[in-house]
Every structure is written in structure tokens, then in C-alpha cells.
Amino acid sequence: MPATIRDVARASGVHISTVSRTFSAPHLVNPETRGRVLACAEELGYRPNRAARALITGRTHNIGLIIADIANPFFPPLIKAAESQARQRDYHVFVADTNEDPIAEEELVHALAKQVDGVLLCSPRMSNSMIEQLSREVPLVVINRQVAGLPCVTMDVGQGARSAIEHLLGLGHRRIALLSGPRGSWTSREIRRAAGVAARAGGAEFTVLGPNQPTETGGAALAEQVRRSEATAVLAYNDLMAIGLIEGLDAVGMHVPQDVSVVGIDDIALSRLTRPKLTTVATPNAAAGRTAVDMLLQHDTVAARGSRGGRGVTSDDRRTTAQVMLQTELVIRDSTAAAPADGRNRPDAELVVPGPHRLAGPGRPTAATGGVVAS
């Protein structure tokens, strides 16, 4: 027969309520007593009943993590880091995918609100007003988006985009195109704003192509537009689009970096394996996942919500509105080179058939430091 909380209390010589606090609020228990209770629980094989504990404390010890596109390799490092960080705090993470659909995002927040203590909303496509409305239903931390009055973790893609454009300007490029991301993306707006300012400051023509689906297919479909634009360098919203663009340019007879230099953003694993290896802006995905979990659990909203036994967020919650921005870094590899001598891209006359990405062993990139950390 499984050990019960009464068995642990009897063996450790404490009241049942002390055993309960040891697992639900360990910081409220004397360290010596807590150690004795945990040792007895381990010896007896006792595991607290989460459902029963939730009825008493009002806390589920579950966190929701809503992702824009789980198939995008940008997200798995963030998911793994968030899960690991939550597990250290005795929380579990429920992951849900929205497939870039703002309606699905809203529905998922509503569905999770009664099952979790808080939600991490990663790269949301909803409007700020809708996010603010949902935050009154369940504690939220927003990742990859700034929403006034809500806790947010962002990556300094603006500084990353500036570093990328300055790198291209330094190589002599004066016709630069940006492949923007999906409609409603805060990250895409930040990249466009910063890249445009940097390009114009450097005296370059700046062309924006988009909005676009942030996928390899989305990037490949833009190759003909890039060719017609006569851009000699391209900054893509993410690495997937950059990799797709390189494949698409190959299909229309253009070579990277001889005819067109290409820069991505994210530094996913595939960027080090394609040929040419992709110059990109590395983003601290894992750090963002860990930081978001800490922000959700460190402030008083989750605890206050549980202690009152309520499932909504009320006006007396002491909520953090901290906004943390993490540093990005330009990583220079093989997909960027000096601009063509005539300042225009030079497509070959003969088209070639697109094939699978050619793989190469991981290289040792040269890194140029990006922006500073602002919190």
C-alpha cells in the first residue's frame, strides 16, 4: 500500500500540515525539519498527490507554454530550457502549438487558464489589446514581444539587425533587401525598423519584401523578387527563410555569396550545416526560456492567485511588469562576401535544378559582438 502523508508525519514526528508545507511551500519550513520530512518521505516512497494539493493550495504547479510554430527549429532550445528551469522549481510545462494562428492562441489561453498557474506566450500573433485582456484571466509572461504593463522577455533583434546591416555595408553593399516575417510579428517590425535606419545611415538602398511566412518555403519563393530587385545583399527574418532563399537563388542561377550575400537571424543548428554556412544573428533562445519561467514564478501573482484559491487575476495582485532584453550576437560565416564590382547582382544565364541542402561539418565562426543588455 502506498505511503500517505500521515505515514510521513508519524515517521518524522511532525504534524500533517508541516509535511504539506514542506512540499507546497518549503521556504516556510525550518531547514532542519524540512530535511527530516524529505528524508522520511524518500525512505517511505511517498509522493505528494498533485491533484489533492491543488485543491488545498489553489495551485496546480503547471505552466502553459504557447508556441507560434513548434516545427520551427528556433523554438525547441527555448522549450527545453523552460521545462528544465520549471522542473527545478517543481513545476511542469504544458506545450501547445498555434501554427502562427492568433485565434488559436486566444483559444489556447482560455483553455489552459483553469489548468495552469500561468502561461508563457512565445512570439504571439495576437494584438496587444487581446494579450492585455487575457492577462486578466491568467498570469502571463510574453516572450519575443513587448506589451506595455506586462512582464516580457525579448531578444535584442534590433541591435542584431543593425550589426548585420553594418557588416554588409562594410563589405561594400549598397543595395540591400529585407525579407520580413509574418504579419503581426513584433520581432519582424523591430528588425525592419532597425535595419532600415542602419541601411539609410550607410547610404544604401533598402527594399522590404513581405510580409512572408517564416519558413524555408517562404524564403525560396522570394528568390525571383530578390533577383529583380538587383539587391546584392539580403537580411532574412530568420535562418529558415535565409536557407530557403539560398536554395531558391540557386534555382534561378544566382550564387551565394558571389552574386548575393545572405544573412539570417536565430543561429539554428542547420545554419552551421548548410553550404555555404550561414552568416546569422545568434539569439539567446535557451536563456529566454529560463528567464521567462523565473519571471513567472518569482513575482507574487502566482502565489497570490493560489493562496486565495481563485482562478482569476484580480486587481490586488502585485504583478511584475519587468521587461528584460537579452543580447544578440552577429556570427560571420561563409554566406557573406564583398559586393560585386558593378554593385548589382549577376544571375547566370543557365538555371540549375534545386536540390537538397548540401551538408558540411560545423565550422568555427568569427563572432562580432552585438548590442548591450537592457533590462
Protein backbone atom coordinates (compact mmCIF):
# COMPACT_ATOMS: atom_id res chain seq x y z
CA MET A 1 0.00 0.00 0.00
CA PRO A 2 1.46 3.42 -0.96
CA ALA A 3 2.70 5.64 1.87
CA THR A 4 0.42 8.51 2.87
CA ILE A 5 1.04 11.96 4.26
CA ARG A 6 0.05 10.63 7.68
CA ASP A 7 2.78 7.98 7.48
CA VAL A 8 5.39 10.66 6.73
CA ALA A 9 4.14 12.88 9.57
CA ARG A 10 4.27 9.98 12.04
CA ALA A 11 7.77 8.91 10.94
CA SER A 12 9.21 12.43 11.06
CA GLY A 13 7.44 13.44 14.28
CA VAL A 14 5.62 16.46 12.85
CA HIS A 15 2.07 17.48 12.15
CA ILE A 16 0.44 16.64 8.81
CA SER A 17 0.30 20.35 7.96
CA THR A 18 4.09 20.57 8.26
CA VAL A 19 4.52 17.75 5.75
CA SER A 20 2.11 19.53 3.44
CA ARG A 21 4.03 22.81 3.72
CA THR A 22 7.32 21.00 3.11
CA PHE A 23 6.11 20.12 -0.38
CA SER A 24 3.89 23.10 -1.19
CA ALA A 25 5.83 25.97 0.44
CA PRO A 26 9.24 24.64 1.56
CA HIS A 27 10.58 28.13 2.29
CA LEU A 28 8.11 28.33 5.21
CA VAL A 29 9.54 25.24 6.93
CA ASN A 30 12.59 25.19 9.19
CA PRO A 31 15.50 23.75 7.15
CA GLU A 32 16.23 21.02 9.72
CA THR A 33 12.58 19.97 9.87
CA ARG A 34 12.26 20.13 6.11
CA GLY A 35 15.28 17.88 5.68
CA ARG A 36 13.89 15.34 8.14
CA VAL A 37 10.48 15.29 6.42
CA LEU A 38 12.01 14.89 2.96
CA ALA A 39 14.28 12.08 4.18
CA CYS A 40 11.31 10.21 5.70
CA ALA A 41 9.27 10.75 2.54
CA GLU A 42 12.09 9.37 0.42
CA GLU A 43 12.54 6.35 2.69
CA LEU A 44 8.81 5.58 2.65
CA GLY A 45 8.48 6.22 -1.08
CA TYR A 46 5.91 8.94 -0.53
CA ARG A 47 4.91 11.13 -3.46
CA PRO A 48 2.51 14.05 -2.88
CA ASN A 49 -0.80 13.91 -4.73
CA ARG A 50 -0.71 16.94 -7.03
CA ALA A 51 -4.47 16.98 -7.55
CA ALA A 52 -5.16 16.93 -3.83
CA ARG A 53 -2.51 19.57 -3.20
CA ALA A 54 -4.06 21.81 -5.86
CA LEU A 55 -7.42 21.63 -4.08
CA ILE A 56 -5.78 22.81 -0.85
CA THR A 57 -3.36 25.44 -2.19
CA GLY A 58 -5.20 26.59 -5.31
CA ARG A 59 -2.00 25.99 -7.29
CA THR A 60 -1.57 23.34 -9.96
CA HIS A 61 2.23 23.59 -10.26
CA ASN A 62 1.68 23.58 -14.01
CA ILE A 63 2.77 26.22 -16.55
CA GLY A 64 1.45 26.64 -20.08
CA LEU A 65 3.90 27.41 -22.90
CA ILE A 66 2.22 28.51 -26.12
CA ILE A 67 4.47 28.40 -29.19
CA ALA A 68 3.86 30.01 -32.60
CA ASP A 69 5.24 27.06 -34.61
CA ILE A 70 6.71 24.03 -32.90
CA ALA A 71 8.16 22.81 -36.23
CA ASN A 72 10.41 25.89 -36.39
CA PRO A 73 13.86 24.91 -35.01
CA PHE A 74 14.06 28.28 -33.26
CA PHE A 75 11.71 27.04 -30.53
CA PRO A 76 12.99 23.63 -29.25
CA PRO A 77 16.01 25.07 -27.32
CA LEU A 78 13.66 27.56 -25.66
CA ILE A 79 11.14 24.82 -24.80
CA LYS A 80 13.81 22.52 -23.33
CA ALA A 81 15.31 25.31 -21.24
CA ALA A 82 11.91 26.40 -19.92
CA GLU A 83 10.98 22.82 -19.00
CA SER A 84 14.30 22.27 -17.22
CA GLN A 85 14.00 25.52 -15.28
CA ALA A 86 10.41 24.78 -14.28
CA ARG A 87 11.28 21.25 -13.17
CA GLN A 88 13.87 22.64 -10.76
CA ARG A 89 11.03 24.60 -9.14
CA ASP A 90 8.72 21.55 -9.03
CA TYR A 91 6.59 22.79 -11.93
CA HIS A 92 5.56 21.00 -15.10
CA VAL A 93 5.20 22.63 -18.52
CA PHE A 94 2.35 22.01 -20.96
CA VAL A 95 3.41 22.93 -24.51
CA ALA A 96 0.87 23.95 -27.16
CA ASP A 97 1.38 24.94 -30.82
CA THR A 98 -0.70 27.60 -32.61
CA ASN A 99 0.66 27.27 -36.16
CA GLU A 100 1.03 31.08 -36.32
CA ASP A 101 -2.75 31.48 -35.80
CA PRO A 102 -3.83 34.32 -33.45
CA ILE A 103 -7.30 32.81 -33.00
CA ALA A 104 -5.75 29.52 -31.88
CA GLU A 105 -3.57 31.48 -29.44
CA GLU A 106 -6.58 33.08 -27.80
CA GLU A 107 -8.45 29.77 -27.59
CA LEU A 108 -5.47 28.02 -26.03
CA VAL A 109 -5.01 30.66 -23.34
CA HIS A 110 -8.69 30.31 -22.43
CA ALA A 111 -8.37 26.51 -22.36
CA LEU A 112 -5.22 26.48 -20.24
CA ALA A 113 -6.27 29.22 -17.82
CA LYS A 114 -8.06 26.83 -15.44
CA GLN A 115 -5.37 24.15 -15.67
CA VAL A 116 -2.17 26.11 -15.05
CA ASP A 117 -0.80 28.75 -12.69
CA GLY A 118 0.49 30.93 -15.51
CA VAL A 119 1.21 31.00 -19.24
CA LEU A 120 4.35 31.79 -21.22
CA LEU A 121 3.22 33.30 -24.53
CA CYS A 122 6.01 32.93 -27.09
CA SER A 123 6.08 35.00 -30.30
CA PRO A 124 2.34 35.72 -30.17
CA ARG A 125 0.47 36.97 -33.24
CA MET A 126 -2.47 38.41 -31.28
CA SER A 127 -2.97 42.13 -30.82
CA ASN A 128 -1.59 43.80 -27.71
CA SER A 129 -5.11 44.60 -26.56
CA MET A 130 -6.10 40.94 -26.69
CA ILE A 131 -2.95 39.91 -24.79
CA GLU A 132 -3.72 42.52 -22.14
CA GLN A 133 -7.29 41.22 -21.87
CA LEU A 134 -6.12 37.63 -21.46
CA SER A 135 -3.63 38.68 -18.77
CA ARG A 136 -6.61 39.50 -16.57
CA GLU A 137 -7.68 35.87 -16.79
CA VAL A 138 -4.34 34.18 -16.12
CA PRO A 139 -0.81 35.44 -15.27
CA LEU A 140 1.20 35.88 -18.49
CA VAL A 141 4.83 36.37 -19.40
CA VAL A 142 5.35 37.33 -23.04
CA ILE A 143 8.43 36.14 -24.94
CA ASN A 144 9.62 37.83 -28.15
CA ARG A 145 7.14 40.67 -27.83
CA GLN A 146 6.90 43.86 -25.79
CA VAL A 147 3.49 44.62 -24.32
CA ALA A 148 3.23 47.66 -22.07
CA GLY A 149 2.36 46.79 -18.48
CA LEU A 150 3.13 43.07 -18.81
CA PRO A 151 6.30 41.11 -17.98
CA CYS A 152 8.21 40.43 -21.19
CA VAL A 153 11.43 38.72 -22.28
CA THR A 154 12.77 39.91 -25.62
CA MET A 155 15.96 39.41 -27.59
CA ASP A 156 17.65 42.50 -28.95
CA VAL A 157 16.95 41.73 -32.61
CA GLY A 158 17.13 45.44 -33.35
CA GLN A 159 20.79 45.55 -32.37
CA GLY A 160 21.33 42.27 -34.20
CA ALA A 161 19.79 43.68 -37.39
CA ARG A 162 21.94 46.81 -37.12
CA SER A 163 25.07 44.67 -36.72
CA ALA A 164 24.10 42.62 -39.77
CA ILE A 165 23.49 45.70 -41.93
CA GLU A 166 26.73 47.33 -40.77
CA HIS A 167 28.57 44.12 -41.67
CA LEU A 168 27.06 44.22 -45.18
CA LEU A 169 27.84 47.92 -45.57
CA GLY A 170 31.42 47.18 -44.58
CA LEU A 171 31.59 44.67 -47.43
CA GLY A 172 30.58 47.40 -49.88
CA HIS A 173 26.90 46.50 -50.35
CA ARG A 174 24.68 49.46 -51.22
CA ARG A 175 21.57 47.60 -52.43
CA ILE A 176 20.13 45.67 -49.50
CA ALA A 177 16.82 43.78 -49.27
CA LEU A 178 14.98 42.62 -46.17
CA LEU A 179 12.77 39.53 -46.20
CA SER A 180 10.29 40.45 -43.48
CA GLY A 181 8.44 37.95 -41.32
CA PRO A 182 4.76 37.21 -40.72
CA ARG A 183 2.11 39.87 -40.29
CA GLY A 184 1.60 40.74 -36.63
CA SER A 185 5.15 39.82 -35.61
CA TRP A 186 6.73 42.28 -33.15
CA THR A 187 10.16 40.80 -33.97
CA SER A 188 9.68 41.45 -37.68
CA ARG A 189 8.73 45.08 -37.00
CA GLU A 190 11.81 45.58 -34.83
CA ILE A 191 14.10 44.06 -37.46
CA ARG A 192 12.57 46.20 -40.20
CA ARG A 193 12.85 49.40 -38.16
CA ALA A 194 16.47 48.88 -37.09
CA ALA A 195 17.69 47.53 -40.43
CA GLY A 196 16.08 50.39 -42.33
CA VAL A 197 17.67 53.04 -40.12
CA ALA A 198 21.12 51.40 -40.40
CA ALA A 199 20.89 50.96 -44.18
CA ARG A 200 19.83 54.55 -44.81
CA ALA A 201 22.51 55.84 -42.44
CA GLY A 202 25.05 53.97 -44.55
CA GLY A 203 23.74 55.42 -47.81
CA ALA A 204 22.27 52.13 -49.06
CA GLU A 205 19.05 51.48 -50.95
CA PHE A 206 16.75 49.44 -48.72
CA THR A 207 13.97 47.25 -50.11
CA VAL A 208 11.45 45.39 -47.94
CA LEU A 209 9.85 42.22 -49.34
CA GLY A 210 6.95 40.94 -47.28
CA PRO A 211 5.19 40.10 -45.06
CA ASN A 212 6.08 36.42 -45.53
CA GLN A 213 5.65 33.03 -43.96
CA PRO A 214 8.76 32.46 -41.76
CA THR A 215 9.63 29.14 -43.37
CA GLU A 216 12.15 27.67 -45.78
CA THR A 217 9.46 27.57 -48.45
CA GLY A 218 8.65 31.22 -47.79
CA GLY A 219 12.28 32.17 -48.36
CA ALA A 220 12.66 30.11 -51.53
CA ALA A 221 9.57 31.71 -53.06
CA LEU A 222 11.20 35.15 -52.84
CA ALA A 223 14.28 34.33 -54.95
CA GLU A 224 12.87 35.80 -58.16
CA GLN A 225 11.85 39.02 -56.37
CA VAL A 226 15.35 39.32 -54.93
CA ARG A 227 16.83 38.83 -58.40
CA ARG A 228 14.60 41.54 -59.89
CA SER A 229 15.37 43.94 -57.04
CA GLU A 230 19.06 43.87 -58.02
CA ALA A 231 19.96 43.68 -54.32
CA THR A 232 23.47 42.42 -53.68
CA ALA A 233 22.73 41.52 -50.05
CA VAL A 234 19.72 40.20 -48.15
CA LEU A 235 18.82 40.09 -44.47
CA ALA A 236 16.15 37.49 -43.74
CA TYR A 237 13.69 37.47 -40.84
CA ASN A 238 15.07 34.12 -39.70
CA ASP A 239 17.50 31.38 -40.67
CA LEU A 240 14.83 29.17 -42.24
CA MET A 241 13.92 31.90 -44.72
CA ALA A 242 17.60 32.60 -45.42
CA ILE A 243 18.30 28.92 -46.10
CA GLY A 244 15.24 28.69 -48.35
CA LEU A 245 16.34 31.82 -50.20
CA ILE A 246 19.79 30.37 -50.87
CA GLU A 247 18.13 27.30 -52.41
CA GLY A 248 15.77 29.49 -54.45
CA LEU A 249 18.60 31.71 -55.70
CA ASP A 250 20.49 28.62 -56.79
CA ALA A 251 17.44 27.64 -58.84
CA VAL A 252 17.45 30.97 -60.72
CA GLY A 253 21.18 30.82 -61.43
CA MET A 254 22.50 33.02 -58.65
CA HIS A 255 25.27 32.05 -56.29
CA VAL A 256 25.76 32.91 -52.63
CA PRO A 257 27.87 34.84 -51.73
CA GLN A 258 29.39 35.59 -55.15
CA ASP A 259 26.25 37.25 -56.55
CA VAL A 260 24.24 37.87 -53.38
CA SER A 261 25.24 37.85 -49.71
CA VAL A 262 22.66 36.40 -47.32
CA VAL A 263 22.29 36.88 -43.55
CA GLY A 264 19.81 35.06 -41.33
CA ILE A 265 18.67 35.53 -37.74
CA ASP A 266 18.48 32.86 -34.97
CA ASP A 267 21.64 30.71 -35.45
CA ILE A 268 19.72 27.43 -35.58
CA ALA A 269 21.80 24.25 -35.87
CA LEU A 270 21.06 23.97 -39.60
CA SER A 271 22.76 27.32 -40.25
CA ARG A 272 26.10 25.69 -39.41
CA LEU A 273 25.46 22.69 -41.67
CA THR A 274 24.28 24.25 -44.94
CA ARG A 275 26.68 25.21 -47.68
CA PRO A 276 27.62 27.96 -47.64
CA LYS A 277 27.50 28.11 -43.87
CA LEU A 278 25.12 30.89 -42.95
CA THR A 279 26.14 34.24 -41.53
CA THR A 280 23.50 34.94 -38.91
CA VAL A 281 22.49 36.80 -35.77
CA ALA A 282 22.56 34.39 -32.82
CA THR A 283 19.65 34.77 -30.41
CA PRO A 284 19.74 33.51 -26.78
CA ASN A 285 16.70 31.21 -27.03
CA ALA A 286 17.54 28.99 -24.07
CA ALA A 287 18.25 31.98 -21.84
CA ALA A 288 14.90 33.47 -22.84
CA GLY A 289 13.09 30.28 -21.80
CA ARG A 290 14.80 30.17 -18.41
CA THR A 291 14.27 33.87 -17.77
CA ALA A 292 10.58 33.71 -18.64
CA VAL A 293 9.98 30.85 -16.18
CA ASP A 294 11.82 32.72 -13.44
CA MET A 295 9.81 35.88 -14.12
CA LEU A 296 6.52 33.99 -13.92
CA LEU A 297 7.40 32.18 -10.70
CA GLN A 298 9.33 34.89 -8.87
CA HIS A 299 6.61 37.53 -8.75
CA ASP A 300 3.67 37.40 -6.40
CA THR A 301 0.86 36.85 -8.90
CA VAL A 302 1.10 33.06 -8.99
CA ALA A 303 1.44 32.76 -5.22
CA ALA A 304 -1.32 35.27 -4.52
CA ARG A 305 -3.61 33.59 -7.01
CA GLY A 306 -3.15 30.24 -5.29
CA SER A 307 -3.40 31.49 -1.72
CA ARG A 308 -6.83 32.97 -2.37
CA GLY A 309 -7.99 29.78 -4.04
CA GLY A 310 -9.20 31.82 -7.01
CA ARG A 311 -8.61 31.11 -10.68
CA GLY A 312 -8.67 34.68 -11.96
CA VAL A 313 -6.19 37.54 -11.66
CA THR A 314 -7.60 40.31 -9.51
CA SER A 315 -6.64 43.92 -9.05
CA ASP A 316 -4.82 43.38 -5.77
CA ASP A 317 -2.24 41.04 -7.30
CA ARG A 318 1.24 42.53 -7.00
CA ARG A 319 2.35 41.87 -10.56
CA THR A 320 5.76 42.37 -12.05
CA THR A 321 5.93 44.47 -15.19
CA ALA A 322 9.64 43.85 -15.70
CA GLN A 323 10.85 43.82 -19.29
CA VAL A 324 14.14 42.04 -19.88
CA MET A 325 16.05 42.31 -23.16
CA LEU A 326 18.75 39.73 -23.88
CA GLN A 327 21.82 40.38 -26.03
CA THR A 328 22.20 39.03 -29.58
CA GLU A 329 25.42 38.42 -31.49
CA LEU A 330 26.43 38.55 -35.15
CA VAL A 331 28.14 35.34 -36.25
CA ILE A 332 30.05 35.70 -39.53
CA ARG A 333 30.39 32.59 -41.68
CA ASP A 334 30.51 31.92 -45.43
CA SER A 335 27.28 33.34 -46.90
CA THR A 336 28.51 36.95 -46.97
CA ALA A 337 31.30 38.45 -49.08
CA ALA A 338 32.30 41.68 -50.80
CA ALA A 339 29.68 43.23 -53.09
CA PRO A 340 30.01 42.53 -56.83
CA ALA A 341 32.27 45.06 -58.56
CA ASP A 342 29.40 46.63 -60.54
CA GLY A 343 27.20 46.92 -57.46
CA ARG A 344 24.46 44.68 -58.90
CA ASN A 345 23.69 41.00 -58.56
CA ARG A 346 24.70 38.98 -61.61
CA PRO A 347 22.46 35.97 -62.30
CA ASP A 348 23.90 33.30 -64.57
CA ALA A 349 22.04 32.69 -67.80
CA GLU A 350 21.61 28.98 -67.12
CA LEU A 351 19.11 27.83 -64.48
CA VAL A 352 20.02 24.93 -62.25
CA VAL A 353 17.70 22.40 -60.68
CA PRO A 354 17.22 22.92 -56.94
CA GLY A 355 18.37 20.05 -54.77
CA PRO A 356 18.66 19.19 -51.10
CA HIS A 357 20.89 21.26 -48.86
CA ARG A 358 24.49 20.26 -49.10
CA LEU A 359 25.89 19.48 -45.70
CA ALA A 360 29.25 20.37 -44.28
CA GLY A 361 30.88 19.87 -40.92
CA PRO A 362 30.37 22.57 -38.32
CA GLY A 363 32.90 25.39 -38.63
CA ARG A 364 34.42 27.80 -36.18
CA PRO A 365 32.62 31.11 -36.76
CA THR A 366 34.10 34.52 -36.23
CA ALA A 367 31.85 36.43 -33.83
CA ALA A 368 31.21 40.17 -33.80
CA THR A 369 29.62 41.34 -30.58
CA GLY A 370 26.06 42.66 -30.80
CA GLY A 371 24.17 45.03 -28.56
CA VAL A 372 24.22 45.63 -24.85
CA VAL A 373 21.83 44.10 -22.38
CA ALA A 374 18.99 46.33 -21.27
CA SER A 375 16.51 45.37 -18.60
